[in-house]
N, C-alpha and C. Protein backbone atom coordinates (compact mmCIF):
# COMPACT_ATOMS: atom_id res chain seq x y z
N MET A 1 -27.36 135.34 -82.49
CA MET A 1 -26.83 134.20 -81.77
C MET A 1 -25.71 134.73 -80.86
N LYS A 2 -25.80 134.40 -79.59
CA LYS A 2 -24.82 134.90 -78.64
C LYS A 2 -23.53 134.10 -78.64
N LYS A 3 -23.64 132.77 -78.81
CA LYS A 3 -22.46 131.92 -78.87
C LYS A 3 -22.58 130.98 -80.05
N THR A 4 -21.48 130.79 -80.71
CA THR A 4 -21.45 129.85 -81.83
C THR A 4 -21.01 128.49 -81.31
N ALA A 5 -21.23 127.47 -82.12
CA ALA A 5 -20.75 126.12 -81.76
C ALA A 5 -19.23 126.15 -81.61
N ALA A 6 -18.55 126.87 -82.49
CA ALA A 6 -17.09 126.95 -82.42
C ALA A 6 -16.63 127.59 -81.11
N SER A 7 -17.34 128.61 -80.64
CA SER A 7 -16.94 129.25 -79.39
C SER A 7 -17.18 128.32 -78.20
N LEU A 8 -18.24 127.53 -78.26
CA LEU A 8 -18.50 126.55 -77.19
C LEU A 8 -17.39 125.50 -77.15
N VAL A 9 -16.98 125.03 -78.32
CA VAL A 9 -15.89 124.05 -78.39
C VAL A 9 -14.61 124.66 -77.86
N GLU A 10 -14.32 125.90 -78.25
CA GLU A 10 -13.11 126.58 -77.79
C GLU A 10 -13.10 126.71 -76.27
N GLU A 11 -14.24 127.08 -75.69
CA GLU A 11 -14.35 127.19 -74.23
C GLU A 11 -14.12 125.84 -73.56
N ALA A 12 -14.73 124.81 -74.11
CA ALA A 12 -14.57 123.47 -73.55
C ALA A 12 -13.12 123.03 -73.62
N MET A 13 -12.49 123.25 -74.76
CA MET A 13 -11.09 122.83 -74.94
C MET A 13 -10.16 123.49 -73.92
N ALA A 14 -10.51 124.70 -73.50
CA ALA A 14 -9.68 125.41 -72.52
C ALA A 14 -9.83 124.83 -71.12
N GLN A 15 -10.88 124.03 -70.89
CA GLN A 15 -11.18 123.54 -69.55
C GLN A 15 -11.00 122.04 -69.35
N VAL A 16 -10.89 121.29 -70.43
CA VAL A 16 -10.85 119.83 -70.31
C VAL A 16 -9.44 119.30 -70.55
N THR A 17 -9.22 118.07 -70.11
CA THR A 17 -7.97 117.38 -70.40
C THR A 17 -8.06 116.81 -71.81
N THR A 18 -7.07 117.14 -72.62
CA THR A 18 -7.03 116.67 -74.00
C THR A 18 -5.79 115.83 -74.20
N TYR A 19 -5.99 114.60 -74.66
CA TYR A 19 -4.86 113.72 -74.96
C TYR A 19 -4.57 113.76 -76.45
N THR A 20 -3.29 113.75 -76.78
CA THR A 20 -2.90 113.55 -78.17
C THR A 20 -3.20 112.08 -78.50
N VAL A 21 -3.19 111.76 -79.77
CA VAL A 21 -3.37 110.36 -80.15
C VAL A 21 -2.29 109.49 -79.53
N GLU A 22 -1.07 109.99 -79.50
CA GLU A 22 0.03 109.21 -78.93
C GLU A 22 -0.21 108.92 -77.45
N GLN A 23 -0.67 109.92 -76.71
CA GLN A 23 -0.98 109.72 -75.29
C GLN A 23 -2.14 108.74 -75.13
N ALA A 24 -3.16 108.88 -75.96
CA ALA A 24 -4.32 107.97 -75.90
C ALA A 24 -3.91 106.54 -76.23
N ARG A 25 -3.06 106.39 -77.23
CA ARG A 25 -2.59 105.04 -77.60
C ARG A 25 -1.86 104.38 -76.44
N ALA A 26 -1.10 105.17 -75.68
CA ALA A 26 -0.38 104.62 -74.52
C ALA A 26 -1.34 104.15 -73.43
N LEU A 27 -2.53 104.75 -73.37
CA LEU A 27 -3.53 104.38 -72.36
C LEU A 27 -4.44 103.23 -72.83
N HIS A 28 -4.52 103.04 -74.14
CA HIS A 28 -5.44 102.04 -74.70
C HIS A 28 -5.10 100.65 -74.19
N GLY A 29 -6.11 99.97 -73.69
CA GLY A 29 -5.92 98.61 -73.18
C GLY A 29 -5.58 98.56 -71.70
N HIS A 30 -5.34 99.70 -71.09
CA HIS A 30 -5.05 99.74 -69.65
C HIS A 30 -6.35 99.42 -68.91
N PRO A 31 -6.30 98.55 -67.89
CA PRO A 31 -7.53 98.16 -67.19
C PRO A 31 -8.22 99.29 -66.43
N GLY A 32 -7.51 100.38 -66.16
CA GLY A 32 -8.10 101.50 -65.43
C GLY A 32 -8.65 102.58 -66.32
N VAL A 33 -8.74 102.30 -67.63
CA VAL A 33 -9.18 103.31 -68.60
C VAL A 33 -10.28 102.74 -69.48
N VAL A 34 -11.34 103.53 -69.67
CA VAL A 34 -12.44 103.14 -70.55
C VAL A 34 -12.50 104.16 -71.70
N PHE A 35 -12.35 103.68 -72.92
CA PHE A 35 -12.52 104.53 -74.09
C PHE A 35 -14.00 104.56 -74.44
N VAL A 36 -14.55 105.77 -74.61
CA VAL A 36 -15.98 105.95 -74.85
C VAL A 36 -16.18 106.64 -76.20
N ASP A 37 -16.81 105.93 -77.11
CA ASP A 37 -17.09 106.40 -78.46
C ASP A 37 -18.47 107.05 -78.47
N ILE A 38 -18.52 108.37 -78.68
CA ILE A 38 -19.81 109.07 -78.62
C ILE A 38 -20.40 109.33 -80.01
N ARG A 39 -19.80 108.74 -81.03
CA ARG A 39 -20.30 108.95 -82.39
C ARG A 39 -21.64 108.24 -82.59
N ASP A 40 -22.33 108.65 -83.62
CA ASP A 40 -23.58 108.01 -84.03
C ASP A 40 -23.26 106.60 -84.55
N VAL A 41 -24.18 105.68 -84.37
CA VAL A 41 -23.96 104.29 -84.78
C VAL A 41 -23.62 104.18 -86.27
N ARG A 42 -24.17 105.06 -87.09
CA ARG A 42 -23.85 105.02 -88.53
C ARG A 42 -22.38 105.36 -88.79
N GLU A 43 -21.81 106.23 -87.95
CA GLU A 43 -20.38 106.54 -88.08
C GLU A 43 -19.54 105.32 -87.72
N LEU A 44 -19.94 104.61 -86.68
CA LEU A 44 -19.21 103.41 -86.27
C LEU A 44 -19.24 102.37 -87.37
N GLU A 45 -20.42 102.16 -87.95
CA GLU A 45 -20.57 101.17 -89.01
C GLU A 45 -19.77 101.55 -90.25
N ARG A 46 -19.70 102.84 -90.55
CA ARG A 46 -19.01 103.31 -91.75
C ARG A 46 -17.49 103.35 -91.56
N GLU A 47 -17.02 103.81 -90.39
CA GLU A 47 -15.59 104.06 -90.19
C GLU A 47 -14.86 103.01 -89.37
N GLY A 48 -15.60 102.25 -88.56
CA GLY A 48 -14.97 101.30 -87.65
C GLY A 48 -14.92 101.85 -86.24
N VAL A 49 -14.31 101.08 -85.34
CA VAL A 49 -14.27 101.45 -83.92
C VAL A 49 -12.87 101.18 -83.35
N ILE A 50 -12.61 101.75 -82.19
CA ILE A 50 -11.41 101.43 -81.44
C ILE A 50 -11.70 100.15 -80.67
N PRO A 51 -10.89 99.13 -80.81
CA PRO A 51 -11.16 97.87 -80.11
C PRO A 51 -11.31 98.09 -78.59
N GLY A 52 -12.34 97.47 -78.04
CA GLY A 52 -12.57 97.55 -76.60
C GLY A 52 -13.29 98.80 -76.14
N SER A 53 -13.58 99.72 -77.06
CA SER A 53 -14.27 100.95 -76.66
C SER A 53 -15.74 100.66 -76.37
N VAL A 54 -16.34 101.54 -75.56
CA VAL A 54 -17.75 101.46 -75.21
C VAL A 54 -18.49 102.50 -76.05
N HIS A 55 -19.58 102.10 -76.68
CA HIS A 55 -20.36 103.07 -77.45
C HIS A 55 -21.41 103.70 -76.56
N ALA A 56 -21.37 105.02 -76.44
CA ALA A 56 -22.37 105.79 -75.70
C ALA A 56 -22.74 106.98 -76.58
N PRO A 57 -23.82 106.86 -77.34
CA PRO A 57 -24.17 107.94 -78.27
C PRO A 57 -24.28 109.28 -77.56
N ARG A 58 -23.83 110.32 -78.21
CA ARG A 58 -23.81 111.66 -77.61
C ARG A 58 -25.17 112.06 -77.04
N GLY A 59 -26.23 111.70 -77.69
CA GLY A 59 -27.56 112.07 -77.23
C GLY A 59 -28.00 111.38 -75.95
N MET A 60 -27.32 110.31 -75.56
CA MET A 60 -27.70 109.56 -74.35
C MET A 60 -26.64 109.65 -73.24
N LEU A 61 -25.50 110.22 -73.53
CA LEU A 61 -24.35 110.16 -72.62
C LEU A 61 -24.67 110.62 -71.20
N GLU A 62 -25.25 111.79 -71.04
CA GLU A 62 -25.54 112.31 -69.70
C GLU A 62 -26.48 111.37 -68.94
N PHE A 63 -27.44 110.80 -69.64
CA PHE A 63 -28.41 109.91 -69.01
C PHE A 63 -27.77 108.58 -68.62
N TRP A 64 -26.84 108.10 -69.41
CA TRP A 64 -26.15 106.85 -69.10
C TRP A 64 -25.17 107.03 -67.95
N VAL A 65 -24.60 108.22 -67.81
CA VAL A 65 -23.63 108.50 -66.75
C VAL A 65 -24.30 108.74 -65.41
N ASP A 66 -25.45 109.38 -65.40
CA ASP A 66 -26.14 109.79 -64.17
C ASP A 66 -26.74 108.58 -63.43
N PRO A 67 -26.24 108.28 -62.22
CA PRO A 67 -26.77 107.12 -61.48
C PRO A 67 -28.25 107.27 -61.10
N ALA A 68 -28.77 108.49 -61.10
CA ALA A 68 -30.18 108.71 -60.77
C ALA A 68 -31.09 108.54 -61.98
N SER A 69 -30.52 108.38 -63.15
CA SER A 69 -31.30 108.25 -64.37
C SER A 69 -31.77 106.81 -64.57
N PRO A 70 -32.98 106.63 -65.07
CA PRO A 70 -33.43 105.26 -65.38
C PRO A 70 -32.63 104.63 -66.53
N TYR A 71 -31.85 105.43 -67.22
CA TYR A 71 -31.05 104.93 -68.35
C TYR A 71 -29.60 104.67 -67.96
N HIS A 72 -29.25 104.84 -66.69
CA HIS A 72 -27.86 104.69 -66.22
C HIS A 72 -27.27 103.35 -66.66
N ARG A 73 -26.00 103.39 -67.06
CA ARG A 73 -25.26 102.20 -67.45
C ARG A 73 -24.13 101.97 -66.45
N ASP A 74 -24.01 100.73 -65.99
CA ASP A 74 -23.03 100.38 -64.97
C ASP A 74 -21.59 100.68 -65.39
N VAL A 75 -21.31 100.68 -66.68
CA VAL A 75 -19.94 100.94 -67.13
C VAL A 75 -19.46 102.31 -66.63
N PHE A 76 -20.39 103.22 -66.37
CA PHE A 76 -20.03 104.55 -65.90
C PHE A 76 -20.02 104.67 -64.37
N ALA A 77 -20.20 103.56 -63.68
CA ALA A 77 -20.19 103.57 -62.22
C ALA A 77 -18.88 103.01 -61.67
N GLN A 78 -17.87 102.96 -62.48
CA GLN A 78 -16.60 102.38 -62.09
C GLN A 78 -15.60 103.48 -61.75
N ASP A 79 -14.65 103.14 -60.91
CA ASP A 79 -13.59 104.07 -60.55
C ASP A 79 -12.48 103.96 -61.59
N LYS A 80 -12.74 104.53 -62.75
CA LYS A 80 -11.79 104.46 -63.86
C LYS A 80 -11.69 105.83 -64.51
N GLU A 81 -10.74 105.95 -65.42
CA GLU A 81 -10.65 107.16 -66.23
C GLU A 81 -11.41 106.91 -67.52
N TYR A 82 -12.17 107.90 -67.95
CA TYR A 82 -12.96 107.79 -69.17
C TYR A 82 -12.35 108.71 -70.23
N VAL A 83 -12.03 108.13 -71.38
CA VAL A 83 -11.44 108.87 -72.48
C VAL A 83 -12.46 108.88 -73.61
N LEU A 84 -13.05 110.04 -73.86
CA LEU A 84 -14.08 110.18 -74.87
C LEU A 84 -13.47 110.53 -76.22
N PHE A 85 -14.15 110.08 -77.27
CA PHE A 85 -13.75 110.49 -78.61
C PHE A 85 -14.96 110.49 -79.53
N CYS A 86 -14.87 111.35 -80.53
CA CYS A 86 -15.89 111.43 -81.58
C CYS A 86 -15.14 111.32 -82.90
N ALA A 87 -15.63 111.92 -83.95
CA ALA A 87 -14.95 111.84 -85.24
C ALA A 87 -13.73 112.75 -85.31
N ALA A 88 -13.86 113.99 -84.81
CA ALA A 88 -12.79 114.97 -84.97
C ALA A 88 -12.36 115.66 -83.68
N GLY A 89 -13.04 115.39 -82.56
CA GLY A 89 -12.66 115.97 -81.28
C GLY A 89 -13.51 117.12 -80.81
N TRP A 90 -14.45 117.57 -81.60
CA TRP A 90 -15.29 118.70 -81.18
C TRP A 90 -16.41 118.24 -80.26
N ARG A 91 -17.16 117.24 -80.69
CA ARG A 91 -18.25 116.74 -79.83
C ARG A 91 -17.70 116.17 -78.54
N SER A 92 -16.55 115.49 -78.62
CA SER A 92 -15.99 114.89 -77.41
C SER A 92 -15.49 115.95 -76.44
N ALA A 93 -15.01 117.09 -76.95
CA ALA A 93 -14.61 118.19 -76.05
C ALA A 93 -15.84 118.70 -75.29
N LEU A 94 -16.95 118.92 -76.01
CA LEU A 94 -18.18 119.38 -75.37
C LEU A 94 -18.70 118.34 -74.37
N ALA A 95 -18.66 117.08 -74.75
CA ALA A 95 -19.15 116.01 -73.87
C ALA A 95 -18.28 115.88 -72.63
N THR A 96 -16.98 116.00 -72.79
CA THR A 96 -16.07 115.92 -71.65
C THR A 96 -16.36 117.05 -70.67
N LYS A 97 -16.57 118.25 -71.19
CA LYS A 97 -16.90 119.40 -70.34
C LYS A 97 -18.22 119.15 -69.61
N THR A 98 -19.20 118.60 -70.27
CA THR A 98 -20.48 118.30 -69.64
C THR A 98 -20.31 117.29 -68.52
N LEU A 99 -19.54 116.24 -68.75
CA LEU A 99 -19.33 115.23 -67.70
C LEU A 99 -18.58 115.83 -66.51
N MET A 100 -17.65 116.74 -66.78
CA MET A 100 -16.97 117.44 -65.68
C MET A 100 -17.99 118.27 -64.89
N ASP A 101 -18.89 118.95 -65.60
CA ASP A 101 -19.94 119.74 -64.95
C ASP A 101 -20.84 118.86 -64.09
N MET A 102 -20.98 117.59 -64.49
CA MET A 102 -21.80 116.64 -63.73
C MET A 102 -21.05 116.06 -62.53
N GLY A 103 -19.76 116.39 -62.40
CA GLY A 103 -18.98 115.92 -61.26
C GLY A 103 -17.99 114.82 -61.56
N MET A 104 -17.91 114.37 -62.80
CA MET A 104 -16.94 113.34 -63.15
C MET A 104 -15.55 113.99 -63.16
N GLU A 105 -14.62 113.39 -62.45
CA GLU A 105 -13.29 113.99 -62.32
C GLU A 105 -12.26 113.40 -63.27
N ARG A 106 -12.35 112.13 -63.53
CA ARG A 106 -11.33 111.46 -64.36
C ARG A 106 -11.89 111.24 -65.77
N VAL A 107 -11.94 112.33 -66.50
CA VAL A 107 -12.48 112.27 -67.86
C VAL A 107 -11.64 113.17 -68.76
N ALA A 108 -11.40 112.70 -69.97
CA ALA A 108 -10.59 113.43 -70.95
C ALA A 108 -11.13 113.10 -72.33
N HIS A 109 -10.54 113.71 -73.34
CA HIS A 109 -10.93 113.36 -74.71
C HIS A 109 -9.71 113.34 -75.60
N VAL A 110 -9.88 112.78 -76.79
CA VAL A 110 -8.78 112.60 -77.74
C VAL A 110 -8.82 113.72 -78.79
N ASP A 111 -7.72 114.47 -78.87
CA ASP A 111 -7.60 115.53 -79.86
C ASP A 111 -7.62 114.92 -81.26
N GLY A 112 -8.51 115.41 -82.10
CA GLY A 112 -8.61 114.89 -83.46
C GLY A 112 -9.52 113.69 -83.59
N GLY A 113 -9.97 113.15 -82.45
CA GLY A 113 -10.94 112.07 -82.44
C GLY A 113 -10.53 110.81 -83.18
N PHE A 114 -11.55 110.07 -83.60
CA PHE A 114 -11.32 108.80 -84.28
C PHE A 114 -10.55 108.99 -85.59
N GLY A 115 -10.81 110.11 -86.25
CA GLY A 115 -10.11 110.38 -87.51
C GLY A 115 -8.60 110.41 -87.31
N ALA A 116 -8.14 111.12 -86.28
CA ALA A 116 -6.71 111.21 -85.99
C ALA A 116 -6.18 109.86 -85.52
N TRP A 117 -6.98 109.15 -84.74
CA TRP A 117 -6.59 107.81 -84.25
C TRP A 117 -6.33 106.89 -85.44
N LYS A 118 -7.29 106.86 -86.37
CA LYS A 118 -7.18 105.97 -87.53
C LYS A 118 -6.01 106.38 -88.43
N THR A 119 -5.86 107.67 -88.66
CA THR A 119 -4.77 108.17 -89.51
C THR A 119 -3.40 107.82 -88.94
N SER A 120 -3.31 107.75 -87.62
CA SER A 120 -2.02 107.44 -86.98
C SER A 120 -1.62 105.98 -87.12
N GLY A 121 -2.55 105.15 -87.58
CA GLY A 121 -2.27 103.72 -87.70
C GLY A 121 -2.60 102.95 -86.44
N ALA A 122 -3.24 103.61 -85.47
CA ALA A 122 -3.66 102.93 -84.23
C ALA A 122 -4.70 101.86 -84.58
N PRO A 123 -4.85 100.87 -83.71
CA PRO A 123 -5.75 99.76 -84.04
C PRO A 123 -7.22 100.18 -84.14
N THR A 124 -7.87 99.64 -85.15
CA THR A 124 -9.32 99.81 -85.34
C THR A 124 -9.89 98.46 -85.75
N GLU A 125 -11.19 98.35 -85.65
CA GLU A 125 -11.85 97.14 -86.13
C GLU A 125 -13.21 97.52 -86.71
N ALA A 126 -13.74 96.65 -87.53
CA ALA A 126 -15.03 96.91 -88.16
C ALA A 126 -16.15 96.74 -87.14
N LYS A 127 -17.19 97.53 -87.30
CA LYS A 127 -18.40 97.41 -86.49
C LYS A 127 -19.45 96.80 -87.40
N PRO A 128 -20.02 95.64 -86.98
CA PRO A 128 -21.06 95.04 -87.83
C PRO A 128 -22.22 96.01 -88.07
N VAL A 129 -22.74 96.00 -89.27
CA VAL A 129 -23.86 96.86 -89.61
C VAL A 129 -25.10 96.36 -88.89
N HIS A 130 -25.79 97.30 -88.25
CA HIS A 130 -27.01 96.98 -87.51
C HIS A 130 -28.15 96.73 -88.48
N ALA A 131 -28.73 95.57 -88.39
CA ALA A 131 -29.86 95.24 -89.26
C ALA A 131 -31.15 95.74 -88.61
N ALA A 132 -31.97 96.41 -89.38
CA ALA A 132 -33.25 96.90 -88.87
C ALA A 132 -34.14 95.72 -88.50
N LYS A 133 -34.83 95.86 -87.38
CA LYS A 133 -35.74 94.80 -86.95
C LYS A 133 -37.00 94.85 -87.80
N LYS A 134 -37.42 93.69 -88.21
CA LYS A 134 -38.67 93.61 -88.98
C LYS A 134 -39.77 93.11 -88.05
N GLY A 135 -40.87 93.79 -88.07
CA GLY A 135 -41.89 93.44 -87.11
C GLY A 135 -43.15 93.14 -87.73
């Protein structure tokens, strides 16, 4: 293996804007900032969410951001700053680097992710459990 996951995260961290939880808390609720939760839906249901955050699963993020993609989401077509977070800050560092590579300029991530956010006493709320569709 030429590169490990840890080395990829380390490279990304050296190139992206990283906010401490305190800095992120100061931005939370600002109309020019969108918090983007890239965790899996099961993590949201188990741990909760940051109020007002947008859920964009890591596996779909690039497709939702790309205006040429049939999966594009309008939330990513706004002139705002996007603050990504995952559980611990590793996936969000990689995702932030990818969005920068795609040309997004106002993007950052939260050091320590949702875990650090929750531990700090920052606001969270429960995410209703998704019921499987019966067909």
